């Protein structure tokens, strides 16, 4: 049985300290999904820069590349490989993001982070942290609004504005693109992403539902009930439950012989 340890609960309290849990909610990437709480005023402000300012010394993110064996919208990798990709919607309290990255790295896991452009504007040094940890970094639109319902020019701007942020911060537009407020992109958004330089849209086949705040054990159970070799799992920065769930989730994946790798490694 999967359990959340006392140590993990302490980690949640530390990561979630000062979090404005009662903040207003907005729709997120899935139907009825709540946006993660914003960082509290007491959250560390270290590394804050003017929006769009370049971050010197950031390791360049790999550029997007085509995978001929994969469709335009990727939901999973090869089922024959004992690997999975844990992908995170990059938004919310940066303290929680740092806790998740540290928890993954302690177990030798690598993640894929799809960052929201406005989040990068507020916390540009997070890009450095993600890349220096050996994780994938990609584009999750500029403002995290419902891109599939937007007019063509507005949808294009959502993609390219975030790509521009990533380019200035890392030297690359990011390795992947994922649409906001939907697990899949419309044909129009798929075409616009391709024109912007992303050969594929990164979707997923396992939704953790961590954004519903069901508790760490429920997040772990949901993923483990559906994950298999090649799976791409949707998770989020910004939720303490996810911080608490990750160590147990990685332990159980390891017990099943599944290794958490970047999406690039999963498909390579």
C-alpha atoms as a PDB file:
ATOM      1  CA  UNK A   1       0.000   0.000   0.000  1.00  0.00           C
ATOM      2  CA  UNK A   2       1.307   3.486  -0.868  1.00  0.00           C
ATOM      3  CA  UNK A   3       1.615   5.740   2.137  1.00  0.00           C
ATOM      4  CA  UNK A   4       2.741   9.300   2.758  1.00  0.00           C
ATOM      5  CA  UNK A   5       5.490   9.338   5.339  1.00  0.00           C
ATOM      6  CA  UNK A   6       5.783  11.730   8.266  1.00  0.00           C
ATOM      7  CA  UNK A   7       8.897  13.145   6.645  1.00  0.00           C
ATOM      8  CA  UNK A   8       6.950  13.903   3.509  1.00  0.00           C
ATOM      9  CA  UNK A   9       4.243  15.639   5.516  1.00  0.00           C
ATOM     10  CA  UNK A  10       6.883  17.848   7.096  1.00  0.00           C
ATOM     11  CA  UNK A  11       8.160  18.631   3.596  1.00  0.00           C
ATOM     12  CA  UNK A  12       4.679  19.709   2.560  1.00  0.00           C
ATOM     13  CA  UNK A  13       4.389  22.052   5.507  1.00  0.00           C
ATOM     14  CA  UNK A  14       7.738  23.609   4.674  1.00  0.00           C
ATOM     15  CA  UNK A  15       6.991  23.884   0.957  1.00  0.00           C
ATOM     16  CA  UNK A  16       3.495  25.211   1.515  1.00  0.00           C
ATOM     17  CA  UNK A  17       4.339  27.714   4.259  1.00  0.00           C
ATOM     18  CA  UNK A  18       2.762  31.056   3.476  1.00  0.00           C
ATOM     19  CA  UNK A  19       0.806  29.638   0.526  1.00  0.00           C
ATOM     20  CA  UNK A  20      -2.426  31.448  -0.235  1.00  0.00           C
ATOM     21  CA  UNK A  21      -4.534  28.327  -0.459  1.00  0.00           C
ATOM     22  CA  UNK A  22      -7.765  30.255  -0.219  1.00  0.00           C
ATOM     23  CA  UNK A  23      -6.996  32.395  -3.269  1.00  0.00           C
ATOM     24  CA  UNK A  24      -9.368  32.837  -6.169  1.00  0.00           C
ATOM     25  CA  UNK A  25      -9.443  29.932  -8.617  1.00  0.00           C
ATOM     26  CA  UNK A  26      -9.361  30.001 -12.400  1.00  0.00           C
ATOM     27  CA  UNK A  27      -9.771  27.237 -14.918  1.00  0.00           C
ATOM     28  CA  UNK A  28      -6.548  25.409 -15.748  1.00  0.00           C
ATOM     29  CA  UNK A  29      -5.391  22.873 -18.342  1.00  0.00           C
ATOM     30  CA  UNK A  30      -8.179  20.367 -17.758  1.00  0.00           C
ATOM     31  CA  UNK A  31     -11.921  20.785 -17.441  1.00  0.00           C
ATOM     32  CA  UNK A  32     -12.619  22.402 -14.088  1.00  0.00           C
ATOM     33  CA  UNK A  33      -8.930  22.535 -13.221  1.00  0.00           C
ATOM     34  CA  UNK A  34      -7.896  25.176 -10.737  1.00  0.00           C
ATOM     35  CA  UNK A  35      -4.839  27.323 -11.293  1.00  0.00           C
ATOM     36  CA  UNK A  36      -2.165  26.823  -8.616  1.00  0.00           C
ATOM     37  CA  UNK A  37      -2.139  29.362  -5.794  1.00  0.00           C
ATOM     38  CA  UNK A  38       0.090  32.344  -6.391  1.00  0.00           C
ATOM     39  CA  UNK A  39       3.224  32.698  -4.303  1.00  0.00           C
ATOM     40  CA  UNK A  40       2.585  34.509  -1.053  1.00  0.00           C
ATOM     41  CA  UNK A  41       4.150  37.935  -0.439  1.00  0.00           C
ATOM     42  CA  UNK A  42       6.479  36.256   2.058  1.00  0.00           C
ATOM     43  CA  UNK A  43       7.886  33.863  -0.558  1.00  0.00           C
ATOM     44  CA  UNK A  44      11.616  34.339  -1.262  1.00  0.00           C
ATOM     45  CA  UNK A  45      12.214  36.975  -3.903  1.00  0.00           C
ATOM     46  CA  UNK A  46      15.811  36.007  -4.633  1.00  0.00           C
ATOM     47  CA  UNK A  47      16.747  35.992  -8.281  1.00  0.00           C
ATOM     48  CA  UNK A  48      13.836  38.242  -9.329  1.00  0.00           C
ATOM     49  CA  UNK A  49      14.709  40.210 -12.426  1.00  0.00           C
ATOM     50  CA  UNK A  50      13.031  42.606 -14.775  1.00  0.00           C
ATOM     51  CA  UNK A  51      10.677  40.700 -17.075  1.00  0.00           C
ATOM     52  CA  UNK A  52      12.475  39.446 -20.144  1.00  0.00           C
ATOM     53  CA  UNK A  53      15.970  40.217 -18.806  1.00  0.00           C
ATOM     54  CA  UNK A  54      18.551  37.678 -20.012  1.00  0.00           C
ATOM     55  CA  UNK A  55      19.995  35.331 -17.421  1.00  0.00           C
ATOM     56  CA  UNK A  56      23.744  35.090 -17.924  1.00  0.00           C
ATOM     57  CA  UNK A  57      25.289  31.657 -17.935  1.00  0.00           C
ATOM     58  CA  UNK A  58      22.109  29.644 -18.377  1.00  0.00           C
ATOM     59  CA  UNK A  59      22.771  26.314 -20.020  1.00  0.00           C
ATOM     60  CA  UNK A  60      21.028  26.414 -23.386  1.00  0.00           C
ATOM     61  CA  UNK A  61      17.969  24.235 -23.652  1.00  0.00           C
ATOM     62  CA  UNK A  62      17.997  21.812 -26.584  1.00  0.00           C
ATOM     63  CA  UNK A  63      15.976  22.996 -29.541  1.00  0.00           C
ATOM     64  CA  UNK A  64      12.787  21.136 -30.499  1.00  0.00           C
ATOM     65  CA  UNK A  65      13.302  18.320 -32.976  1.00  0.00           C
ATOM     66  CA  UNK A  66      11.010  16.029 -34.948  1.00  0.00           C
ATOM     67  CA  UNK A  67      10.424  12.413 -34.022  1.00  0.00           C
ATOM     68  CA  UNK A  68       9.390  10.726 -37.289  1.00  0.00           C
ATOM     69  CA  UNK A  69       7.818   7.742 -35.536  1.00  0.00           C
ATOM     70  CA  UNK A  70       5.592   9.996 -33.421  1.00  0.00           C
ATOM     71  CA  UNK A  71       2.328  11.756 -34.373  1.00  0.00           C
ATOM     72  CA  UNK A  72       1.865  15.519 -34.339  1.00  0.00           C
ATOM     73  CA  UNK A  73       0.391  15.217 -30.835  1.00  0.00           C
ATOM     74  CA  UNK A  74       2.433  12.937 -28.613  1.00  0.00           C
ATOM     75  CA  UNK A  75       0.591  11.203 -25.776  1.00  0.00           C
ATOM     76  CA  UNK A  76       3.171   8.561 -24.865  1.00  0.00           C
ATOM     77  CA  UNK A  77       6.511   7.083 -25.827  1.00  0.00           C
ATOM     78  CA  UNK A  78       7.495   3.538 -26.778  1.00  0.00           C
ATOM     79  CA  UNK A  79       5.640   0.991 -24.655  1.00  0.00           C
ATOM     80  CA  UNK A  80       8.593  -1.389 -24.825  1.00  0.00           C
ATOM     81  CA  UNK A  81      10.835   0.823 -22.703  1.00  0.00           C
ATOM     82  CA  UNK A  82      10.852   0.715 -18.883  1.00  0.00           C
ATOM     83  CA  UNK A  83      10.713   4.505 -18.743  1.00  0.00           C
ATOM     84  CA  UNK A  84       8.090   7.168 -18.058  1.00  0.00           C
ATOM     85  CA  UNK A  85       8.077  10.961 -18.403  1.00  0.00           C
ATOM     86  CA  UNK A  86       6.775  13.027 -15.492  1.00  0.00           C
ATOM     87  CA  UNK A  87       5.729  16.343 -17.028  1.00  0.00           C
ATOM     88  CA  UNK A  88       4.902  19.422 -14.976  1.00  0.00           C
ATOM     89  CA  UNK A  89       2.853  22.485 -15.824  1.00  0.00           C
ATOM     90  CA  UNK A  90       5.191  25.293 -14.729  1.00  0.00           C
ATOM     91  CA  UNK A  91       3.291  27.875 -12.719  1.00  0.00           C
ATOM     92  CA  UNK A  92       2.667  28.779  -9.073  1.00  0.00           C
ATOM     93  CA  UNK A  93       4.857  29.240  -6.006  1.00  0.00           C
ATOM     94  CA  UNK A  94       8.523  28.902  -7.071  1.00  0.00           C
ATOM     95  CA  UNK A  95       9.368  27.499  -3.632  1.00  0.00           C
ATOM     96  CA  UNK A  96       7.238  24.462  -4.387  1.00  0.00           C
ATOM     97  CA  UNK A  97       8.891  24.146  -7.806  1.00  0.00           C
ATOM     98  CA  UNK A  98      12.310  24.043  -6.166  1.00  0.00           C
ATOM     99  CA  UNK A  99      11.104  21.420  -3.663  1.00  0.00           C
ATOM    100  CA  UNK A 100       9.837  19.187  -6.482  1.00  0.00           C
ATOM    101  CA  UNK A 101      13.053  19.499  -8.465  1.00  0.00           C
ATOM    102  CA  UNK A 102      15.126  18.636  -5.384  1.00  0.00           C
ATOM    103  CA  UNK A 103      12.919  15.654  -4.547  1.00  0.00           C
ATOM    104  CA  UNK A 104      13.297  14.301  -8.083  1.00  0.00           C
ATOM    105  CA  UNK A 105      17.051  14.786  -8.192  1.00  0.00           C
ATOM    106  CA  UNK A 106      17.557  13.010  -4.863  1.00  0.00           C
ATOM    107  CA  UNK A 107      16.199   9.877  -6.540  1.00  0.00           C
ATOM    108  CA  UNK A 108      18.028  10.373  -9.822  1.00  0.00           C
ATOM    109  CA  UNK A 109      14.841  11.304 -11.702  1.00  0.00           C
ATOM    110  CA  UNK A 110      14.553  13.914 -14.430  1.00  0.00           C
ATOM    111  CA  UNK A 111      11.397  15.858 -15.224  1.00  0.00           C
ATOM    112  CA  UNK A 112       9.879  17.814 -18.090  1.00  0.00           C
ATOM    113  CA  UNK A 113       8.669  21.315 -17.214  1.00  0.00           C
ATOM    114  CA  UNK A 114       6.284  23.196 -19.505  1.00  0.00           C
ATOM    115  CA  UNK A 115       6.591  26.774 -18.289  1.00  0.00           C
ATOM    116  CA  UNK A 116       4.040  29.587 -18.513  1.00  0.00           C
ATOM    117  CA  UNK A 117       5.569  32.769 -19.928  1.00  0.00           C
ATOM    118  CA  UNK A 118       4.232  35.112 -17.253  1.00  0.00           C
ATOM    119  CA  UNK A 119       5.681  32.767 -14.620  1.00  0.00           C
ATOM    120  CA  UNK A 120       9.082  33.039 -16.301  1.00  0.00           C
ATOM    121  CA  UNK A 121       8.693  36.837 -16.332  1.00  0.00           C
ATOM    122  CA  UNK A 122       8.195  36.803 -12.561  1.00  0.00           C
ATOM    123  CA  UNK A 123      10.777  34.094 -11.766  1.00  0.00           C
ATOM    124  CA  UNK A 124      13.324  34.026 -14.612  1.00  0.00           C
ATOM    125  CA  UNK A 125      15.980  32.206 -12.583  1.00  0.00           C
ATOM    126  CA  UNK A 126      13.744  29.133 -12.404  1.00  0.00           C
ATOM    127  CA  UNK A 127      14.758  28.469 -16.033  1.00  0.00           C
ATOM    128  CA  UNK A 128      18.392  28.189 -14.927  1.00  0.00           C
ATOM    129  CA  UNK A 129      17.439  25.886 -12.076  1.00  0.00           C
ATOM    130  CA  UNK A 130      15.454  23.537 -14.314  1.00  0.00           C
ATOM    131  CA  UNK A 131      18.153  23.212 -16.966  1.00  0.00           C
ATOM    132  CA  UNK A 132      21.021  22.899 -14.486  1.00  0.00           C
ATOM    133  CA  UNK A 133      19.192  19.971 -12.912  1.00  0.00           C
ATOM    134  CA  UNK A 134      19.189  18.119 -16.241  1.00  0.00           C
ATOM    135  CA  UNK A 135      15.456  18.524 -16.816  1.00  0.00           C
ATOM    136  CA  UNK A 136      13.574  19.384 -20.023  1.00  0.00           C
ATOM    137  CA  UNK A 137      12.117  22.883 -20.339  1.00  0.00           C
ATOM    138  CA  UNK A 138       9.310  23.819 -22.715  1.00  0.00           C
ATOM    139  CA  UNK A 139       6.525  26.235 -23.644  1.00  0.00           C
ATOM    140  CA  UNK A 140       3.090  26.226 -21.962  1.00  0.00           C
ATOM    141  CA  UNK A 141       1.856  29.485 -23.570  1.00  0.00           C
ATOM    142  CA  UNK A 142       2.373  33.009 -22.339  1.00  0.00           C
ATOM    143  CA  UNK A 143      -0.684  33.606 -20.147  1.00  0.00           C
ATOM    144  CA  UNK A 144      -2.143  30.109 -19.593  1.00  0.00           C
ATOM    145  CA  UNK A 145      -5.543  30.881 -21.054  1.00  0.00           C
ATOM    146  CA  UNK A 146      -7.776  28.756 -23.286  1.00  0.00           C
ATOM    147  CA  UNK A 147      -5.662  28.769 -26.428  1.00  0.00           C
ATOM    148  CA  UNK A 148      -7.918  26.447 -28.445  1.00  0.00           C
ATOM    149  CA  UNK A 149     -10.752  29.003 -28.302  1.00  0.00           C
ATOM    150  CA  UNK A 150      -8.670  31.992 -29.390  1.00  0.00           C
ATOM    151  CA  UNK A 151      -8.523  33.716 -32.759  1.00  0.00           C
ATOM    152  CA  UNK A 152      -5.547  32.714 -34.890  1.00  0.00           C
ATOM    153  CA  UNK A 153      -3.510  35.880 -34.301  1.00  0.00           C
ATOM    154  CA  UNK A 154      -4.054  35.746 -30.542  1.00  0.00           C
ATOM    155  CA  UNK A 155      -3.223  32.041 -30.328  1.00  0.00           C
ATOM    156  CA  UNK A 156      -0.057  32.610 -32.343  1.00  0.00           C
ATOM    157  CA  UNK A 157       0.980  35.365 -29.937  1.00  0.00           C
ATOM    158  CA  UNK A 158       0.419  33.100 -26.914  1.00  0.00           C
ATOM    159  CA  UNK A 159       2.866  30.589 -28.383  1.00  0.00           C
ATOM    160  CA  UNK A 160       5.480  33.004 -29.718  1.00  0.00           C
ATOM    161  CA  UNK A 161       5.521  35.290 -26.672  1.00  0.00           C
ATOM    162  CA  UNK A 162       6.399  32.365 -24.411  1.00  0.00           C
ATOM    163  CA  UNK A 163       8.902  31.092 -26.986  1.00  0.00           C
ATOM    164  CA  UNK A 164      10.549  34.525 -26.961  1.00  0.00           C
ATOM    165  CA  UNK A 165      10.846  34.436 -23.147  1.00  0.00           C
ATOM    166  CA  UNK A 166      12.473  31.033 -23.287  1.00  0.00           C
ATOM    167  CA  UNK A 167      14.812  32.117 -26.071  1.00  0.00           C
ATOM    168  CA  UNK A 168      16.010  35.141 -24.104  1.00  0.00           C
ATOM    169  CA  UNK A 169      16.492  33.144 -20.919  1.00  0.00           C
ATOM    170  CA  UNK A 170      17.988  29.941 -22.314  1.00  0.00           C
ATOM    171  CA  UNK A 171      19.031  30.439 -25.939  1.00  0.00           C
ATOM    172  CA  UNK A 172      16.266  28.099 -27.151  1.00  0.00           C
ATOM    173  CA  UNK A 173      12.495  28.317 -27.616  1.00  0.00           C
ATOM    174  CA  UNK A 174      12.246  25.251 -25.382  1.00  0.00           C
ATOM    175  CA  UNK A 175      12.185  21.585 -26.232  1.00  0.00           C
ATOM    176  CA  UNK A 176       8.407  21.082 -26.169  1.00  0.00           C
ATOM    177  CA  UNK A 177       5.078  22.856 -26.535  1.00  0.00           C
ATOM    178  CA  UNK A 178       1.947  22.009 -24.563  1.00  0.00           C
ATOM    179  CA  UNK A 179      -1.343  23.908 -25.015  1.00  0.00           C
ATOM    180  CA  UNK A 180      -2.961  25.594 -22.032  1.00  0.00           C
ATOM    181  CA  UNK A 181      -6.357  24.678 -20.610  1.00  0.00           C
ATOM    182  CA  UNK A 182      -6.621  21.543 -22.742  1.00  0.00           C
ATOM    183  CA  UNK A 183      -4.791  18.207 -22.882  1.00  0.00           C
ATOM    184  CA  UNK A 184      -4.691  18.391 -26.685  1.00  0.00           C
ATOM    185  CA  UNK A 185      -4.287  21.168 -29.239  1.00  0.00           C
ATOM    186  CA  UNK A 186      -6.800  22.024 -31.921  1.00  0.00           C
ATOM    187  CA  UNK A 187      -5.656  21.601 -35.547  1.00  0.00           C
ATOM    188  CA  UNK A 188      -5.115  25.364 -35.716  1.00  0.00           C
ATOM    189  CA  UNK A 189      -2.962  25.461 -32.582  1.00  0.00           C
ATOM    190  CA  UNK A 190      -1.027  22.403 -33.748  1.00  0.00           C
ATOM    191  CA  UNK A 191      -0.268  24.196 -37.015  1.00  0.00           C
ATOM    192  CA  UNK A 192       0.704  27.434 -35.232  1.00  0.00           C
ATOM    193  CA  UNK A 193       3.015  25.537 -32.876  1.00  0.00           C
ATOM    194  CA  UNK A 194       4.691  23.837 -35.827  1.00  0.00           C
ATOM    195  CA  UNK A 195       5.176  27.198 -37.550  1.00  0.00           C
ATOM    196  CA  UNK A 196       6.707  28.577 -34.334  1.00  0.00           C
ATOM    197  CA  UNK A 197       9.273  25.773 -34.375  1.00  0.00           C
ATOM    198  CA  UNK A 198       7.660  22.931 -32.408  1.00  0.00           C
ATOM    199  CA  UNK A 199       7.267  19.816 -34.591  1.00  0.00           C
ATOM    200  CA  UNK A 200       5.069  18.139 -31.974  1.00  0.00           C
ATOM    201  CA  UNK A 201       2.507  19.020 -29.314  1.00  0.00           C
ATOM    202  CA  UNK A 202       3.204  17.231 -26.045  1.00  0.00           C
ATOM    203  CA  UNK A 203       0.054  15.762 -24.505  1.00  0.00           C
ATOM    204  CA  UNK A 204      -0.139  12.872 -21.982  1.00  0.00           C
ATOM    205  CA  UNK A 205      -1.848   9.565 -21.298  1.00  0.00           C
ATOM    206  CA  UNK A 206      -1.952   9.773 -17.472  1.00  0.00           C
ATOM    207  CA  UNK A 207      -3.543  12.690 -15.622  1.00  0.00           C
ATOM    208  CA  UNK A 208      -2.577  12.770 -11.942  1.00  0.00           C
ATOM    209  CA  UNK A 209      -5.465  15.125 -11.057  1.00  0.00           C
ATOM    210  CA  UNK A 210      -3.127  16.719  -8.511  1.00  0.00           C
ATOM    211  CA  UNK A 211      -4.707  20.117  -9.256  1.00  0.00           C
ATOM    212  CA  UNK A 212      -7.891  18.912  -7.492  1.00  0.00           C
ATOM    213  CA  UNK A 213      -5.881  18.744  -4.248  1.00  0.00           C
ATOM    214  CA  UNK A 214      -7.017  15.195  -3.381  1.00  0.00           C
ATOM    215  CA  UNK A 215      -4.117  14.512  -1.005  1.00  0.00           C
ATOM    216  CA  UNK A 216      -0.691  13.065  -1.703  1.00  0.00           C
ATOM    217  CA  UNK A 217      -1.735   9.421  -1.371  1.00  0.00           C
ATOM    218  CA  UNK A 218      -4.577   9.904  -3.868  1.00  0.00           C
ATOM    219  CA  UNK A 219      -2.225  11.525  -6.384  1.00  0.00           C
ATOM    220  CA  UNK A 220       0.155   8.578  -6.094  1.00  0.00           C
ATOM    221  CA  UNK A 221      -2.628   6.002  -6.393  1.00  0.00           C
ATOM    222  CA  UNK A 222      -4.109   7.684  -9.464  1.00  0.00           C
ATOM    223  CA  UNK A 223      -0.804   7.697 -11.331  1.00  0.00           C
ATOM    224  CA  UNK A 224       0.162   4.155 -10.353  1.00  0.00           C
ATOM    225  CA  UNK A 225      -3.231   2.815 -11.406  1.00  0.00           C
ATOM    226  CA  UNK A 226      -2.688   4.017 -14.995  1.00  0.00           C
ATOM    227  CA  UNK A 227       1.036   4.357 -15.642  1.00  0.00           C
ATOM    228  CA  UNK A 228       2.959   1.860 -17.772  1.00  0.00           C
ATOM    229  CA  UNK A 229       6.096   1.823 -19.884  1.00  0.00           C
ATOM    230  CA  UNK A 230       6.242   4.860 -22.160  1.00  0.00           C
ATOM    231  CA  UNK A 231       3.613   6.859 -20.257  1.00  0.00           C
ATOM    232  CA  UNK A 232       3.643  10.643 -20.166  1.00  0.00           C
ATOM    233  CA  UNK A 233       2.204  11.807 -16.837  1.00  0.00           C
ATOM    234  CA  UNK A 234       0.626  15.226 -16.251  1.00  0.00           C
ATOM    235  CA  UNK A 235       1.512  16.874 -12.925  1.00  0.00           C
ATOM    236  CA  UNK A 236       1.760  20.449 -11.690  1.00  0.00           C
ATOM    237  CA  UNK A 237       4.042  22.808  -9.854  1.00  0.00           C
ATOM    238  CA  UNK A 238       2.204  24.877  -7.274  1.00  0.00           C
ATOM    239  CA  UNK A 239       0.499  22.172  -5.186  1.00  0.00           C
ATOM    240  CA  UNK A 240       1.939  20.885  -1.882  1.00  0.00           C
ATOM    241  CA  UNK A 241       0.189  17.517  -2.390  1.00  0.00           C
ATOM    242  CA  UNK A 242       2.442  16.939  -5.394  1.00  0.00           C
ATOM    243  CA  UNK A 243       5.590  17.619  -3.387  1.00  0.00           C
ATOM    244  CA  UNK A 244       4.461  15.091  -0.787  1.00  0.00           C
ATOM    245  CA  UNK A 245       3.476  12.514  -3.409  1.00  0.00           C
ATOM    246  CA  UNK A 246       6.643  12.583  -5.491  1.00  0.00           C
ATOM    247  CA  UNK A 247       9.026  10.559  -3.252  1.00  0.00           C
ATOM    248  CA  UNK A 248       6.512   7.744  -2.823  1.00  0.00           C
ATOM    249  CA  UNK A 249       5.584   7.873  -6.503  1.00  0.00           C
ATOM    250  CA  UNK A 250       9.215   7.594  -7.579  1.00  0.00           C
ATOM    251  CA  UNK A 251       9.787   4.763  -5.091  1.00  0.00           C
ATOM    252  CA  UNK A 252       6.843   2.793  -6.478  1.00  0.00           C
ATOM    253  CA  UNK A 253       7.872   3.415 -10.078  1.00  0.00           C
ATOM    254  CA  UNK A 254      11.350   2.156  -9.248  1.00  0.00           C
ATOM    255  CA  UNK A 255       9.870  -0.913  -7.582  1.00  0.00           C
ATOM    256  CA  UNK A 256       8.026  -1.655 -10.829  1.00  0.00           C
ATOM    257  CA  UNK A 257      11.219  -1.220 -12.835  1.00  0.00           C
ATOM    258  CA  UNK A 258      10.110   2.096 -14.365  1.00  0.00           C
ATOM    259  CA  UNK A 259      12.557   4.995 -14.493  1.00  0.00           C
ATOM    260  CA  UNK A 260      11.471   8.650 -14.607  1.00  0.00           C
ATOM    261  CA  UNK A 261      13.293  10.375 -17.485  1.00  0.00           C
ATOM    262  CA  UNK A 262      12.861  13.540 -19.533  1.00  0.00           C
ATOM    263  CA  UNK A 263      10.485  13.359 -22.466  1.00  0.00           C
ATOM    264  CA  UNK A 264      13.486  13.821 -24.746  1.00  0.00           C
ATOM    265  CA  UNK A 265      15.113  10.702 -23.318  1.00  0.00           C
ATOM    266  CA  UNK A 266      11.830   8.797 -23.414  1.00  0.00           C
ATOM    267  CA  UNK A 267      11.495   9.388 -27.160  1.00  0.00           C
ATOM    268  CA  UNK A 268      15.162   9.223 -28.156  1.00  0.00           C
END
